[in-house]
Amino acid sequence: MSTEKKFDPAKRKKLNNPIRLEWLPPERIKALLEMQGGKTYLDIGAGTGYLSREVAAKVPGAVVHTLDIEPLMVEEMKQSTGKGSIFPQRMERDILPFDDAIMDGVWSITVFHELGKARPLLREVRRVLRPGGRLLIVDWEKKEEACGQGPPLDHRVSVEEVVEALREACFSDVQVMAGFTHHFAVLARN
């Protein structure tokens, strides 16, 4: 077994499985981020953009930037999102290609366990988030019984590790939120 904690882009079609919309309800993501039209949002590690499209469809008039480090994923996002309010682009690890304080909300779904050291990316998120902006991190539960889906147990991180990383990165109002299947969610403010 590989110790690499990075999603294999050759398996990217798995990201388009409709069951993910049950496990990761777009309406719940929208509600936690208090998303509104006319605001700007960021999805870090958007993969194929499948979930981004579903969330964006719930918030007409919102601009959603979708980032991934894998060129294959970005190309698929560009082909599947079409023209509109979703703007896919490739990112370098731990570097967000945006000016300071321009995002109203940021989310990252099932990516935190791949980060290794989270501090550099969290510093970037704080930089691009407006004061009071929200960050939502959702990742796989670190429980043996939850391993029927997603990465192996030894690749996962605990909710406590995410909460600690956010507090160390000076996010405020860090809260564990309910409403996801096989996953935990942590919400914080800049």
C-alpha atoms as a PDB file:
ATOM      1  CA  MET A   1       0.000   0.000   0.000  1.00  0.00           C
ATOM      2  CA  SER A   2       1.238   3.472  -0.860  1.00  0.00           C
ATOM      3  CA  THR A   3       1.853   6.015   1.871  1.00  0.00           C
ATOM      4  CA  GLU A   4       1.013   8.794  -0.584  1.00  0.00           C
ATOM      5  CA  LYS A   5      -1.979  10.722   0.735  1.00  0.00           C
ATOM      6  CA  LYS A   6      -2.962  12.256  -2.579  1.00  0.00           C
ATOM      7  CA  PHE A   7      -6.087  11.357  -4.547  1.00  0.00           C
ATOM      8  CA  ASP A   8      -5.229   9.489  -7.743  1.00  0.00           C
ATOM      9  CA  PRO A   9      -6.547  11.607 -10.661  1.00  0.00           C
ATOM     10  CA  ALA A  10      -7.058   8.404 -12.668  1.00  0.00           C
ATOM     11  CA  LYS A  11      -9.950   7.686 -10.269  1.00  0.00           C
ATOM     12  CA  ARG A  12     -11.547  11.107 -10.795  1.00  0.00           C
ATOM     13  CA  LYS A  13     -14.813   9.677 -12.187  1.00  0.00           C
ATOM     14  CA  LYS A  14     -15.556   8.449  -8.629  1.00  0.00           C
ATOM     15  CA  LEU A  15     -15.902  12.107  -7.667  1.00  0.00           C
ATOM     16  CA  ASN A  16     -18.954  12.424  -9.929  1.00  0.00           C
ATOM     17  CA  ASN A  17     -20.925   9.707  -8.127  1.00  0.00           C
ATOM     18  CA  PRO A  18     -24.389  11.072  -7.227  1.00  0.00           C
ATOM     19  CA  ILE A  19     -24.176   9.360  -3.803  1.00  0.00           C
ATOM     20  CA  ARG A  20     -21.703  12.098  -2.850  1.00  0.00           C
ATOM     21  CA  LEU A  21     -24.598  14.585  -2.938  1.00  0.00           C
ATOM     22  CA  GLU A  22     -26.286  12.567  -0.198  1.00  0.00           C
ATOM     23  CA  TRP A  23     -23.107  12.298   1.872  1.00  0.00           C
ATOM     24  CA  LEU A  24     -22.104  15.938   1.285  1.00  0.00           C
ATOM     25  CA  PRO A  25     -25.384  17.830   0.801  1.00  0.00           C
ATOM     26  CA  PRO A  26     -24.832  21.024  -1.220  1.00  0.00           C
ATOM     27  CA  GLU A  27     -27.649  22.701   0.711  1.00  0.00           C
ATOM     28  CA  ARG A  28     -25.780  22.031   3.977  1.00  0.00           C
ATOM     29  CA  ILE A  29     -22.544  23.507   2.595  1.00  0.00           C
ATOM     30  CA  LYS A  30     -24.457  26.573   1.416  1.00  0.00           C
ATOM     31  CA  ALA A  31     -26.147  27.012   4.790  1.00  0.00           C
ATOM     32  CA  LEU A  32     -22.969  26.628   6.854  1.00  0.00           C
ATOM     33  CA  LEU A  33     -21.127  29.178   4.724  1.00  0.00           C
ATOM     34  CA  GLU A  34     -24.172  31.480   4.708  1.00  0.00           C
ATOM     35  CA  MET A  35     -23.743  31.752   0.944  1.00  0.00           C
ATOM     36  CA  GLN A  36     -25.519  34.559  -0.910  1.00  0.00           C
ATOM     37  CA  GLY A  37     -25.739  35.832  -4.474  1.00  0.00           C
ATOM     38  CA  GLY A  38     -23.328  38.631  -5.315  1.00  0.00           C
ATOM     39  CA  LYS A  39     -20.624  37.151  -3.063  1.00  0.00           C
ATOM     40  CA  THR A  40     -17.354  35.407  -3.958  1.00  0.00           C
ATOM     41  CA  TYR A  41     -16.425  31.907  -2.792  1.00  0.00           C
ATOM     42  CA  LEU A  42     -13.558  29.468  -3.148  1.00  0.00           C
ATOM     43  CA  ASP A  43     -13.496  25.660  -3.320  1.00  0.00           C
ATOM     44  CA  ILE A  44      -9.968  24.351  -2.617  1.00  0.00           C
ATOM     45  CA  GLY A  45      -9.289  20.884  -4.014  1.00  0.00           C
ATOM     46  CA  ALA A  46     -12.435  20.916  -6.129  1.00  0.00           C
ATOM     47  CA  GLY A  47     -11.501  17.800  -8.116  1.00  0.00           C
ATOM     48  CA  THR A  48     -13.821  17.504 -11.100  1.00  0.00           C
ATOM     49  CA  GLY A  49     -15.959  20.392  -9.884  1.00  0.00           C
ATOM     50  CA  TYR A  50     -18.999  18.144  -9.444  1.00  0.00           C
ATOM     51  CA  LEU A  51     -19.796  19.269  -5.908  1.00  0.00           C
ATOM     52  CA  SER A  52     -18.842  22.896  -6.715  1.00  0.00           C
ATOM     53  CA  ARG A  53     -21.411  22.994  -9.510  1.00  0.00           C
ATOM     54  CA  GLU A  54     -24.121  21.653  -7.220  1.00  0.00           C
ATOM     55  CA  VAL A  55     -23.325  24.156  -4.466  1.00  0.00           C
ATOM     56  CA  ALA A  56     -23.106  27.077  -6.934  1.00  0.00           C
ATOM     57  CA  ALA A  57     -26.488  26.123  -8.409  1.00  0.00           C
ATOM     58  CA  LYS A  58     -28.013  26.747  -4.954  1.00  0.00           C
ATOM     59  CA  VAL A  59     -26.705  30.350  -4.910  1.00  0.00           C
ATOM     60  CA  PRO A  60     -27.607  32.229  -8.114  1.00  0.00           C
ATOM     61  CA  GLY A  61     -25.381  35.254  -8.631  1.00  0.00           C
ATOM     62  CA  ALA A  62     -22.505  33.951  -6.517  1.00  0.00           C
ATOM     63  CA  VAL A  63     -19.037  33.657  -8.039  1.00  0.00           C
ATOM     64  CA  VAL A  64     -17.278  30.376  -7.214  1.00  0.00           C
ATOM     65  CA  HIS A  65     -13.570  29.904  -7.874  1.00  0.00           C
ATOM     66  CA  THR A  66     -12.585  26.233  -8.012  1.00  0.00           C
ATOM     67  CA  LEU A  67      -8.973  25.202  -7.533  1.00  0.00           C
ATOM     68  CA  ASP A  68      -7.072  21.957  -7.814  1.00  0.00           C
ATOM     69  CA  ILE A  69      -3.392  21.049  -8.077  1.00  0.00           C
ATOM     70  CA  GLU A  70      -3.998  18.334 -10.682  1.00  0.00           C
ATOM     71  CA  PRO A  71      -4.081  19.505 -14.326  1.00  0.00           C
ATOM     72  CA  LEU A  72      -6.438  16.635 -15.295  1.00  0.00           C
ATOM     73  CA  MET A  73      -8.946  17.733 -12.694  1.00  0.00           C
ATOM     74  CA  VAL A  74      -8.790  21.365 -13.804  1.00  0.00           C
ATOM     75  CA  GLU A  75      -9.316  20.391 -17.451  1.00  0.00           C
ATOM     76  CA  GLU A  76     -12.334  18.304 -16.505  1.00  0.00           C
ATOM     77  CA  MET A  77     -13.718  21.206 -14.446  1.00  0.00           C
ATOM     78  CA  LYS A  78     -13.288  23.572 -17.381  1.00  0.00           C
ATOM     79  CA  GLN A  79     -15.150  21.177 -19.690  1.00  0.00           C
ATOM     80  CA  SER A  80     -17.980  20.453 -17.276  1.00  0.00           C
ATOM     81  CA  THR A  81     -18.664  23.845 -15.713  1.00  0.00           C
ATOM     82  CA  GLY A  82     -19.192  25.739 -18.954  1.00  0.00           C
ATOM     83  CA  LYS A  83     -19.602  29.483 -18.896  1.00  0.00           C
ATOM     84  CA  GLY A  84     -21.157  31.145 -15.904  1.00  0.00           C
ATOM     85  CA  SER A  85     -20.291  31.769 -12.323  1.00  0.00           C
ATOM     86  CA  ILE A  86     -17.718  28.979 -11.779  1.00  0.00           C
ATOM     87  CA  PHE A  87     -14.073  29.739 -12.535  1.00  0.00           C
ATOM     88  CA  PRO A  88     -11.721  26.726 -12.443  1.00  0.00           C
ATOM     89  CA  GLN A  89      -7.966  27.070 -12.324  1.00  0.00           C
ATOM     90  CA  ARG A  90      -4.863  25.177 -11.302  1.00  0.00           C
ATOM     91  CA  MET A  91      -3.174  26.072  -8.059  1.00  0.00           C
ATOM     92  CA  GLU A  92       0.275  25.393  -6.733  1.00  0.00           C
ATOM     93  CA  ARG A  93       0.331  23.570  -3.422  1.00  0.00           C
ATOM     94  CA  ASP A  94      -0.248  26.020  -0.547  1.00  0.00           C
ATOM     95  CA  ILE A  95      -0.507  29.074  -2.833  1.00  0.00           C
ATOM     96  CA  LEU A  96      -3.858  30.719  -3.554  1.00  0.00           C
ATOM     97  CA  PRO A  97      -3.760  32.884  -6.703  1.00  0.00           C
ATOM     98  CA  PHE A  98      -5.904  35.716  -5.345  1.00  0.00           C
ATOM     99  CA  ASP A  99      -5.539  39.144  -3.791  1.00  0.00           C
ATOM    100  CA  ASP A 100      -5.985  39.639  -0.071  1.00  0.00           C
ATOM    101  CA  ALA A 101      -9.432  39.658   1.540  1.00  0.00           C
ATOM    102  CA  ILE A 102     -11.558  38.981  -1.549  1.00  0.00           C
ATOM    103  CA  MET A 103     -13.362  35.744  -0.599  1.00  0.00           C
ATOM    104  CA  ASP A 104     -16.573  35.737   1.419  1.00  0.00           C
ATOM    105  CA  GLY A 105     -16.288  32.014   2.117  1.00  0.00           C
ATOM    106  CA  VAL A 106     -13.959  29.091   1.471  1.00  0.00           C
ATOM    107  CA  TRP A 107     -14.601  25.373   1.571  1.00  0.00           C
ATOM    108  CA  SER A 108     -12.435  22.306   1.224  1.00  0.00           C
ATOM    109  CA  ILE A 109     -14.033  18.889   1.004  1.00  0.00           C
ATOM    110  CA  THR A 110     -12.079  15.664   1.693  1.00  0.00           C
ATOM    111  CA  VAL A 111      -8.724  17.377   1.150  1.00  0.00           C
ATOM    112  CA  PHE A 112      -7.384  18.164   4.624  1.00  0.00           C
ATOM    113  CA  HIS A 113      -6.074  14.616   5.138  1.00  0.00           C
ATOM    114  CA  GLU A 114      -3.843  15.074   2.051  1.00  0.00           C
ATOM    115  CA  LEU A 115      -2.163  18.265   3.240  1.00  0.00           C
ATOM    116  CA  GLY A 116       0.566  16.944   5.488  1.00  0.00           C
ATOM    117  CA  LYS A 117       1.408  20.310   7.047  1.00  0.00           C
ATOM    118  CA  ALA A 118      -1.736  22.413   6.963  1.00  0.00           C
ATOM    119  CA  ARG A 119      -0.272  25.675   8.277  1.00  0.00           C
ATOM    120  CA  PRO A 120       0.917  27.125   4.912  1.00  0.00           C
ATOM    121  CA  LEU A 121      -2.454  26.609   3.222  1.00  0.00           C
ATOM    122  CA  LEU A 122      -4.409  27.845   6.241  1.00  0.00           C
ATOM    123  CA  ARG A 123      -2.263  30.990   6.273  1.00  0.00           C
ATOM    124  CA  GLU A 124      -3.195  31.529   2.617  1.00  0.00           C
ATOM    125  CA  VAL A 125      -6.880  30.966   3.359  1.00  0.00           C
ATOM    126  CA  ARG A 126      -6.759  33.587   6.104  1.00  0.00           C
ATOM    127  CA  ARG A 127      -5.070  35.975   3.669  1.00  0.00           C
ATOM    128  CA  VAL A 128      -7.742  35.655   0.952  1.00  0.00           C
ATOM    129  CA  LEU A 129     -10.769  35.528   3.279  1.00  0.00           C
ATOM    130  CA  ARG A 130     -12.471  38.796   4.145  1.00  0.00           C
ATOM    131  CA  PRO A 131     -12.627  39.632   7.868  1.00  0.00           C
ATOM    132  CA  GLY A 132     -15.455  37.565   9.306  1.00  0.00           C
ATOM    133  CA  GLY A 133     -15.430  35.241   6.281  1.00  0.00           C
ATOM    134  CA  ARG A 134     -16.129  31.558   6.894  1.00  0.00           C
ATOM    135  CA  LEU A 135     -14.010  28.485   6.237  1.00  0.00           C
ATOM    136  CA  LEU A 136     -15.620  25.040   6.076  1.00  0.00           C
ATOM    137  CA  ILE A 137     -13.475  21.922   6.176  1.00  0.00           C
ATOM    138  CA  VAL A 138     -15.150  18.562   5.627  1.00  0.00           C
ATOM    139  CA  ASP A 139     -13.137  15.347   5.699  1.00  0.00           C
ATOM    140  CA  TRP A 140     -13.512  11.615   6.204  1.00  0.00           C
ATOM    141  CA  GLU A 141     -14.217  10.441   9.751  1.00  0.00           C
ATOM    142  CA  LYS A 142     -11.244   8.721  11.334  1.00  0.00           C
ATOM    143  CA  LYS A 143     -13.177   5.653  12.428  1.00  0.00           C
ATOM    144  CA  GLU A 144     -12.612   2.057  11.402  1.00  0.00           C
ATOM    145  CA  GLU A 145     -16.333   1.559  10.679  1.00  0.00           C
ATOM    146  CA  ALA A 146     -16.292   4.526   8.257  1.00  0.00           C
ATOM    147  CA  CYS A 147     -13.576   3.017   6.054  1.00  0.00           C
ATOM    148  CA  GLY A 148     -15.927   1.316   3.604  1.00  0.00           C
ATOM    149  CA  GLN A 149     -15.559   4.518   1.587  1.00  0.00           C
ATOM    150  CA  GLY A 150     -12.684   6.924   1.115  1.00  0.00           C
ATOM    151  CA  PRO A 151      -9.028   6.658   2.080  1.00  0.00           C
ATOM    152  CA  PRO A 152      -7.538   4.088   4.464  1.00  0.00           C
ATOM    153  CA  LEU A 153      -7.731   4.828   8.179  1.00  0.00           C
ATOM    154  CA  ASP A 154      -4.031   5.668   8.447  1.00  0.00           C
ATOM    155  CA  HIS A 155      -4.420   8.425   5.815  1.00  0.00           C
ATOM    156  CA  ARG A 156      -7.240  10.171   7.670  1.00  0.00           C
ATOM    157  CA  VAL A 157      -7.082  12.942  10.243  1.00  0.00           C
ATOM    158  CA  SER A 158      -9.281  13.332  13.289  1.00  0.00           C
ATOM    159  CA  VAL A 159     -11.717  16.154  13.817  1.00  0.00           C
ATOM    160  CA  GLU A 160      -9.614  17.168  16.831  1.00  0.00           C
ATOM    161  CA  GLU A 161      -6.538  17.588  14.606  1.00  0.00           C
ATOM    162  CA  VAL A 162      -8.473  19.885  12.281  1.00  0.00           C
ATOM    163  CA  VAL A 163      -9.860  21.955  15.149  1.00  0.00           C
ATOM    164  CA  GLU A 164      -6.370  22.324  16.626  1.00  0.00           C
ATOM    165  CA  ALA A 165      -4.855  23.324  13.267  1.00  0.00           C
ATOM    166  CA  LEU A 166      -7.519  26.006  12.770  1.00  0.00           C
ATOM    167  CA  ARG A 167      -7.017  27.424  16.244  1.00  0.00           C
ATOM    168  CA  GLU A 168      -3.223  27.442  15.773  1.00  0.00           C
ATOM    169  CA  ALA A 169      -3.758  29.308  12.492  1.00  0.00           C
ATOM    170  CA  CYS A 170      -5.716  31.977  14.449  1.00  0.00           C
ATOM    171  CA  PHE A 171      -9.170  31.228  13.059  1.00  0.00           C
ATOM    172  CA  SER A 172     -11.942  32.135  15.481  1.00  0.00           C
ATOM    173  CA  ASP A 173     -15.296  30.629  16.395  1.00  0.00           C
ATOM    174  CA  VAL A 174     -14.071  27.120  15.478  1.00  0.00           C
ATOM    175  CA  GLN A 175     -17.018  24.691  15.689  1.00  0.00           C
ATOM    176  CA  VAL A 176     -17.648  21.064  14.810  1.00  0.00           C
ATOM    177  CA  MET A 177     -20.848  20.835  12.750  1.00  0.00           C
ATOM    178  CA  ALA A 178     -23.240  17.949  12.078  1.00  0.00           C
ATOM    179  CA  GLY A 179     -25.017  17.055   8.874  1.00  0.00           C
ATOM    180  CA  PHE A 180     -22.676  14.848   6.846  1.00  0.00           C
ATOM    181  CA  THR A 181     -22.448  11.082   6.287  1.00  0.00           C
ATOM    182  CA  HIS A 182     -19.033   9.365   6.680  1.00  0.00           C
ATOM    183  CA  HIS A 183     -17.537  12.831   7.276  1.00  0.00           C
ATOM    184  CA  PHE A 184     -16.965  15.436   9.948  1.00  0.00           C
ATOM    185  CA  ALA A 185     -17.232  19.178   9.353  1.00  0.00           C
ATOM    186  CA  VAL A 186     -15.440  22.066  11.033  1.00  0.00           C
ATOM    187  CA  LEU A 187     -16.519  25.662  10.528  1.00  0.00           C
ATOM    188  CA  ALA A 188     -14.385  28.678  11.462  1.00  0.00           C
ATOM    189  CA  ARG A 189     -14.238  32.449  10.926  1.00  0.00           C
ATOM    190  CA  ASN A 190     -11.384  34.612   9.789  1.00  0.00           C
END
